PDB file of N, CA and C in Angstrom:
ATOM      1  N   MET A   1     -10.420 -26.302  -2.026  1.00  0.00           N
ATOM      2  CA  MET A   1     -10.304 -25.364  -0.944  1.00  0.00           C
ATOM      3  C   MET A   1      -9.018 -24.560  -1.016  1.00  0.00           C
ATOM      4  N   GLU A   2      -8.014 -25.174  -1.621  1.00  0.00           N
ATOM      5  CA  GLU A   2      -6.694 -24.505  -1.739  1.00  0.00           C
ATOM      6  C   GLU A   2      -6.841 -23.264  -2.592  1.00  0.00           C
ATOM      7  N   TYR A   3      -7.638 -23.365  -3.640  1.00  0.00           N
ATOM      8  CA  TYR A   3      -7.785 -22.226  -4.543  1.00  0.00           C
ATOM      9  C   TYR A   3      -8.420 -21.022  -3.859  1.00  0.00           C
ATOM     10  N   VAL A   4      -9.390 -21.260  -3.011  1.00  0.00           N
ATOM     11  CA  VAL A   4     -10.037 -20.215  -2.259  1.00  0.00           C
ATOM     12  C   VAL A   4      -9.041 -19.528  -1.342  1.00  0.00           C
ATOM     13  N   GLU A   5      -8.233 -20.313  -0.667  1.00  0.00           N
ATOM     14  CA  GLU A   5      -7.235 -19.739   0.237  1.00  0.00           C
ATOM     15  C   GLU A   5      -6.219 -18.904  -0.494  1.00  0.00           C
ATOM     16  N   VAL A   6      -5.912 -19.283  -1.724  1.00  0.00           N
ATOM     17  CA  VAL A   6      -4.924 -18.551  -2.506  1.00  0.00           C
ATOM     18  C   VAL A   6      -5.541 -17.293  -3.100  1.00  0.00           C
ATOM     19  N   LEU A   7      -6.780 -17.377  -3.563  1.00  0.00           N
ATOM     20  CA  LEU A   7      -7.381 -16.229  -4.269  1.00  0.00           C
ATOM     21  C   LEU A   7      -8.052 -15.223  -3.339  1.00  0.00           C
ATOM     22  N   LEU A   8      -8.438 -15.642  -2.121  1.00  0.00           N
ATOM     23  CA  LEU A   8      -9.156 -14.752  -1.229  1.00  0.00           C
ATOM     24  C   LEU A   8      -8.423 -13.468  -0.892  1.00  0.00           C
ATOM     25  N   PRO A   9      -7.153 -13.460  -0.594  1.00  0.00           N
ATOM     26  CA  PRO A   9      -6.492 -12.175  -0.332  1.00  0.00           C
ATOM     27  C   PRO A   9      -6.481 -11.235  -1.535  1.00  0.00           C
ATOM     28  N   SER A  10      -6.332 -11.755  -2.734  1.00  0.00           N
ATOM     29  CA  SER A  10      -6.352 -10.935  -3.917  1.00  0.00           C
ATOM     30  C   SER A  10      -7.725 -10.354  -4.150  1.00  0.00           C
ATOM     31  N   ILE A  11      -8.744 -11.164  -3.902  1.00  0.00           N
ATOM     32  CA  ILE A  11     -10.125 -10.678  -4.110  1.00  0.00           C
ATOM     33  C   ILE A  11     -10.443  -9.567  -3.061  1.00  0.00           C
ATOM     34  N   CYS A  12      -9.979  -9.772  -1.871  1.00  0.00           N
ATOM     35  CA  CYS A  12     -10.233  -8.742  -0.817  1.00  0.00           C
ATOM     36  C   CYS A  12      -9.534  -7.427  -1.164  1.00  0.00           C
ATOM     37  N   VAL A  13      -8.286  -7.527  -1.620  1.00  0.00           N
ATOM     38  CA  VAL A  13      -7.552  -6.320  -2.010  1.00  0.00           C
ATOM     39  C   VAL A  13      -8.223  -5.630  -3.187  1.00  0.00           C
ATOM     40  N   ALA A  14      -8.683  -6.433  -4.145  1.00  0.00           N
ATOM     41  CA  ALA A  14      -9.345  -5.870  -5.311  1.00  0.00           C
ATOM     42  C   ALA A  14     -10.645  -5.150  -4.895  1.00  0.00           C
ATOM     43  N   ALA A  15     -11.399  -5.752  -3.983  1.00  0.00           N
ATOM     44  CA  ALA A  15     -12.647  -5.147  -3.507  1.00  0.00           C
ATOM     45  C   ALA A  15     -12.336  -3.839  -2.753  1.00  0.00           C
ATOM     46  N   LEU A  16     -11.307  -3.872  -1.918  1.00  0.00           N
ATOM     47  CA  LEU A  16     -10.929  -2.662  -1.191  1.00  0.00           C
ATOM     48  C   LEU A  16     -10.508  -1.545  -2.158  1.00  0.00           C
ATOM     49  N   PHE A  17      -9.741  -1.902  -3.182  1.00  0.00           N
ATOM     50  CA  PHE A  17      -9.308  -0.935  -4.183  1.00  0.00           C
ATOM     51  C   PHE A  17     -10.501  -0.354  -4.912  1.00  0.00           C
ATOM     52  N   TYR A  18     -11.471  -1.218  -5.273  1.00  0.00           N
ATOM     53  CA  TYR A  18     -12.665  -0.757  -5.970  1.00  0.00           C
ATOM     54  C   TYR A  18     -13.451   0.276  -5.144  1.00  0.00           C
ATOM     55  N   PHE A  19     -13.664  -0.055  -3.885  1.00  0.00           N
ATOM     56  CA  PHE A  19     -14.430   0.877  -3.024  1.00  0.00           C
ATOM     57  C   PHE A  19     -13.694   2.168  -2.764  1.00  0.00           C
ATOM     58  N   ALA A  20     -12.384   2.085  -2.637  1.00  0.00           N
ATOM     59  CA  ALA A  20     -11.570   3.282  -2.411  1.00  0.00           C
ATOM     60  C   ALA A  20     -11.608   4.190  -3.645  1.00  0.00           C
ATOM     61  N   MET A  21     -11.481   3.612  -4.821  1.00  0.00           N
ATOM     62  CA  MET A  21     -11.520   4.424  -6.039  1.00  0.00           C
ATOM     63  C   MET A  21     -12.934   4.993  -6.268  1.00  0.00           C
ATOM     64  N   LYS A  22     -13.946   4.210  -5.970  1.00  0.00           N
ATOM     65  CA  LYS A  22     -15.321   4.705  -6.105  1.00  0.00           C
ATOM     66  C   LYS A  22     -15.547   5.924  -5.224  1.00  0.00           C
ATOM     67  N   ALA A  23     -15.092   5.841  -3.956  1.00  0.00           N
ATOM     68  CA  ALA A  23     -15.230   6.951  -3.030  1.00  0.00           C
ATOM     69  C   ALA A  23     -14.445   8.176  -3.519  1.00  0.00           C
ATOM     70  N   LEU A  24     -13.253   7.926  -4.006  1.00  0.00           N
ATOM     71  CA  LEU A  24     -12.397   9.013  -4.509  1.00  0.00           C
ATOM     72  C   LEU A  24     -13.056   9.714  -5.701  1.00  0.00           C
ATOM     73  N   LEU A  25     -13.581   8.976  -6.623  1.00  0.00           N
ATOM     74  CA  LEU A  25     -14.222   9.578  -7.790  1.00  0.00           C
ATOM     75  C   LEU A  25     -15.514  10.289  -7.413  1.00  0.00           C
ATOM     76  N   ASN A  26     -16.282   9.756  -6.483  1.00  0.00           N
ATOM     77  CA  ASN A  26     -17.493  10.457  -6.030  1.00  0.00           C
ATOM     78  C   ASN A  26     -17.139  11.775  -5.334  1.00  0.00           C
ATOM     79  N   ALA A  27     -16.080  11.776  -4.551  1.00  0.00           N
ATOM     80  CA  ALA A  27     -15.654  12.992  -3.867  1.00  0.00           C
ATOM     81  C   ALA A  27     -15.196  14.014  -4.908  1.00  0.00           C
ATOM     82  N   ASP A  28     -14.490  13.576  -5.915  1.00  0.00           N
ATOM     83  CA  ASP A  28     -14.045  14.500  -6.959  1.00  0.00           C
ATOM     84  C   ASP A  28     -15.224  15.089  -7.715  1.00  0.00           C
ATOM     85  N   ARG A  29     -16.213  14.254  -8.031  1.00  0.00           N
ATOM     86  CA  ARG A  29     -17.373  14.735  -8.730  1.00  0.00           C
ATOM     87  C   ARG A  29     -18.131  15.757  -7.923  1.00  0.00           C
ATOM     88  N   SER A  30     -18.255  15.510  -6.635  1.00  0.00           N
ATOM     89  CA  SER A  30     -18.947  16.451  -5.740  1.00  0.00           C
ATOM     90  C   SER A  30     -18.169  17.772  -5.647  1.00  0.00           C
ATOM     91  N   GLU A  31     -16.841  17.686  -5.559  1.00  0.00           N
ATOM     92  CA  GLU A  31     -16.024  18.875  -5.495  1.00  0.00           C
ATOM     93  C   GLU A  31     -16.135  19.712  -6.762  1.00  0.00           C
ATOM     94  N   ARG A  32     -16.124  19.050  -7.895  1.00  0.00           N
ATOM     95  CA  ARG A  32     -16.274  19.770  -9.167  1.00  0.00           C
ATOM     96  C   ARG A  32     -17.622  20.465  -9.265  1.00  0.00           C
ATOM     97  N   LYS A  33     -18.675  19.779  -8.809  1.00  0.00           N
ATOM     98  CA  LYS A  33     -20.014  20.371  -8.798  1.00  0.00           C
ATOM     99  C   LYS A  33     -20.090  21.593  -7.908  1.00  0.00           C
ATOM    100  N   ALA A  34     -19.503  21.493  -6.691  1.00  0.00           N
ATOM    101  CA  ALA A  34     -19.478  22.611  -5.776  1.00  0.00           C
ATOM    102  C   ALA A  34     -18.666  23.779  -6.323  1.00  0.00           C
ATOM    103  N   GLN A  35     -17.550  23.505  -6.950  1.00  0.00           N
ATOM    104  CA  GLN A  35     -16.702  24.530  -7.549  1.00  0.00           C
ATOM    105  C   GLN A  35     -17.433  25.257  -8.671  1.00  0.00           C
ATOM    106  N   ALA A  36     -18.110  24.506  -9.510  1.00  0.00           N
ATOM    107  CA  ALA A  36     -18.871  25.134 -10.619  1.00  0.00           C
ATOM    108  C   ALA A  36     -19.979  26.006 -10.075  1.00  0.00           C
ATOM    109  N   GLU A  37     -20.654  25.565  -9.031  1.00  0.00           N
ATOM    110  CA  GLU A  37     -21.720  26.392  -8.428  1.00  0.00           C
ATOM    111  C   GLU A  37     -21.178  27.654  -7.823  1.00  0.00           C
ATOM    112  N   ALA A  38     -20.030  27.584  -7.161  1.00  0.00           N
ATOM    113  CA  ALA A  38     -19.405  28.769  -6.558  1.00  0.00           C
ATOM    114  C   ALA A  38     -18.985  29.744  -7.653  1.00  0.00           C
ATOM    115  N   GLU A  39     -18.409  29.249  -8.731  1.00  0.00           N
ATOM    116  CA  GLU A  39     -18.001  30.110  -9.836  1.00  0.00           C
ATOM    117  C   GLU A  39     -19.217  30.758 -10.470  1.00  0.00           C
ATOM    118  N   ARG A  40     -20.299  30.031 -10.632  1.00  0.00           N
ATOM    119  CA  ARG A  40     -21.525  30.569 -11.235  1.00  0.00           C
ATOM    120  C   ARG A  40     -22.082  31.679 -10.342  1.00  0.00           C
ATOM    121  N   GLU A  41     -22.076  31.456  -9.038  1.00  0.00           N
ATOM    122  CA  GLU A  41     -22.581  32.500  -8.133  1.00  0.00           C
ATOM    123  C   GLU A  41     -21.671  33.744  -8.153  1.00  0.00           C
ATOM    124  N   ALA A  42     -20.376  33.529  -8.240  1.00  0.00           N
ATOM    125  CA  ALA A  42     -19.451  34.679  -8.273  1.00  0.00           C
ATOM    126  C   ALA A  42     -19.642  35.472  -9.549  1.00  0.00           C
ATOM    127  N   ASP A  43     -19.785  34.792 -10.687  1.00  0.00           N
ATOM    128  CA  ASP A  43     -20.042  35.450 -11.958  1.00  0.00           C
ATOM    129  C   ASP A  43     -21.347  36.238 -11.935  1.00  0.00           C
ATOM    130  N   GLN A  44     -22.369  35.638 -11.338  1.00  0.00           N
ATOM    131  CA  GLN A  44     -23.638  36.325 -11.239  1.00  0.00           C
ATOM    132  C   GLN A  44     -23.531  37.564 -10.392  1.00  0.00           C
ATOM    133  N   GLN A  45     -22.799  37.483  -9.287  1.00  0.00           N
ATOM    134  CA  GLN A  45     -22.630  38.654  -8.401  1.00  0.00           C
ATOM    135  C   GLN A  45     -21.862  39.753  -9.120  1.00  0.00           C
ATOM    136  N   ILE A  46     -20.830  39.366  -9.859  1.00  0.00           N
ATOM    137  CA  ILE A  46     -20.070  40.409 -10.616  1.00  0.00           C
ATOM    138  C   ILE A  46     -20.950  41.073 -11.642  1.00  0.00           C
ATOM    139  N   GLN A  47     -21.771  40.273 -12.332  1.00  0.00           N
ATOM    140  CA  GLN A  47     -22.657  40.848 -13.348  1.00  0.00           C
ATOM    141  C   GLN A  47     -23.684  41.777 -12.704  1.00  0.00           C
ATOM    142  N   GLU A  48     -24.205  41.409 -11.561  1.00  0.00           N
ATOM    143  CA  GLU A  48     -25.173  42.284 -10.867  1.00  0.00           C
ATOM    144  C   GLU A  48     -24.469  43.592 -10.447  1.00  0.00           C
ATOM    145  N   ASP A  49     -23.254  43.477  -9.961  1.00  0.00           N
ATOM    146  CA  ASP A  49     -22.518  44.667  -9.545  1.00  0.00           C
ATOM    147  C   ASP A  49     -22.266  45.606 -10.754  1.00  0.00           C
ATOM    148  N   LEU A  50     -21.909  45.035 -11.881  1.00  0.00           N
ATOM    149  CA  LEU A  50     -21.683  45.838 -13.112  1.00  0.00           C
ATOM    150  C   LEU A  50     -22.979  46.471 -13.585  1.00  0.00           C
ATOM    151  N   ASP A  51     -24.087  45.726 -13.541  1.00  0.00           N
ATOM    152  CA  ASP A  51     -25.361  46.316 -13.951  1.00  0.00           C
ATOM    153  C   ASP A  51     -25.765  47.467 -13.040  1.00  0.00           C
ATOM    154  N   ALA A  52     -25.581  47.331 -11.749  1.00  0.00           N
ATOM    155  CA  ALA A  52     -25.902  48.376 -10.803  1.00  0.00           C
ATOM    156  C   ALA A  52     -25.009  49.605 -11.026  1.00  0.00           C
ATOM    157  N   LYS A  53     -23.757  49.376 -11.331  1.00  0.00           N
ATOM    158  CA  LYS A  53     -22.826  50.472 -11.581  1.00  0.00           C
ATOM    159  C   LYS A  53     -23.221  51.226 -12.874  1.00  0.00           C
ATOM    160  N   ASN A  54     -23.608  50.477 -13.889  1.00  0.00           N
ATOM    161  CA  ASN A  54     -23.999  51.110 -15.137  1.00  0.00           C
ATOM    162  C   ASN A  54     -25.309  51.910 -14.969  1.00  0.00           C
ATOM    163  N   LYS A  55     -26.237  51.395 -14.152  1.00  0.00           N
ATOM    164  CA  LYS A  55     -27.489  52.147 -13.938  1.00  0.00           C
ATOM    165  C   LYS A  55     -27.197  53.438 -13.167  1.00  0.00           C
ATOM    166  N   ALA A  56     -26.286  53.346 -12.218  1.00  0.00           N
ATOM    167  CA  ALA A  56     -25.937  54.529 -11.391  1.00  0.00           C
ATOM    168  C   ALA A  56     -25.185  55.573 -12.211  1.00  0.00           C
ATOM    169  N   ALA A  57     -24.413  55.130 -13.192  1.00  0.00           N
ATOM    170  CA  ALA A  57     -23.628  56.058 -14.014  1.00  0.00           C
ATOM    171  C   ALA A  57     -24.533  56.919 -14.904  1.00  0.00           C
ATOM    172  N   GLY A  58     -25.616  56.353 -15.338  1.00  0.00           N
ATOM    173  CA  GLY A  58     -26.510  57.085 -16.205  1.00  0.00           C
ATOM    174  C   GLY A  58     -26.088  56.994 -17.698  1.00  0.00           C
ATOM    175  N   PRO A  59     -26.958  57.426 -18.589  1.00  0.00           N
ATOM    176  CA  PRO A  59     -26.677  57.269 -20.013  1.00  0.00           C
ATOM    177  C   PRO A  59     -25.595  58.236 -20.520  1.00  0.00           C
ATOM    178  N   ALA A  60     -25.325  59.323 -19.857  1.00  0.00           N
ATOM    179  CA  ALA A  60     -24.349  60.319 -20.330  1.00  0.00           C
ATOM    180  C   ALA A  60     -22.930  59.782 -20.193  1.00  0.00           C
ATOM    181  N   ASP A  61     -22.665  58.956 -19.250  1.00  0.00           N
ATOM    182  CA  ASP A  61     -21.324  58.446 -18.995  1.00  0.00           C
ATOM    183  C   ASP A  61     -20.929  57.244 -19.832  1.00  0.00           C
ATOM    184  N   LYS A  62     -21.881  56.676 -20.503  1.00  0.00           N
ATOM    185  CA  LYS A  62     -21.614  55.485 -21.319  1.00  0.00           C
ATOM    186  C   LYS A  62     -20.906  55.878 -22.604  1.00  0.00           C
ATOM    187  N   GLU A  63     -20.022  54.996 -23.050  1.00  0.00           N
ATOM    188  CA  GLU A  63     -19.302  55.283 -24.308  1.00  0.00           C
ATOM    189  C   GLU A  63     -19.826  54.449 -25.431  1.00  0.00           C
TER     190      GLU A  63
END
């Protein structure tokens, strides 16, 4: 029983650390996914704006 009393605090701290790190890494993964999606949408919008500008300019203005 002495061993359990000695090891229990360390096991609890280790479990707490594990769950904290797991939550932190999951949050980071979600943030990276959201950032990539936002960048992809921004790039798509810029490309659509450039395509619309080129269509409006006509073939004579292209170099």
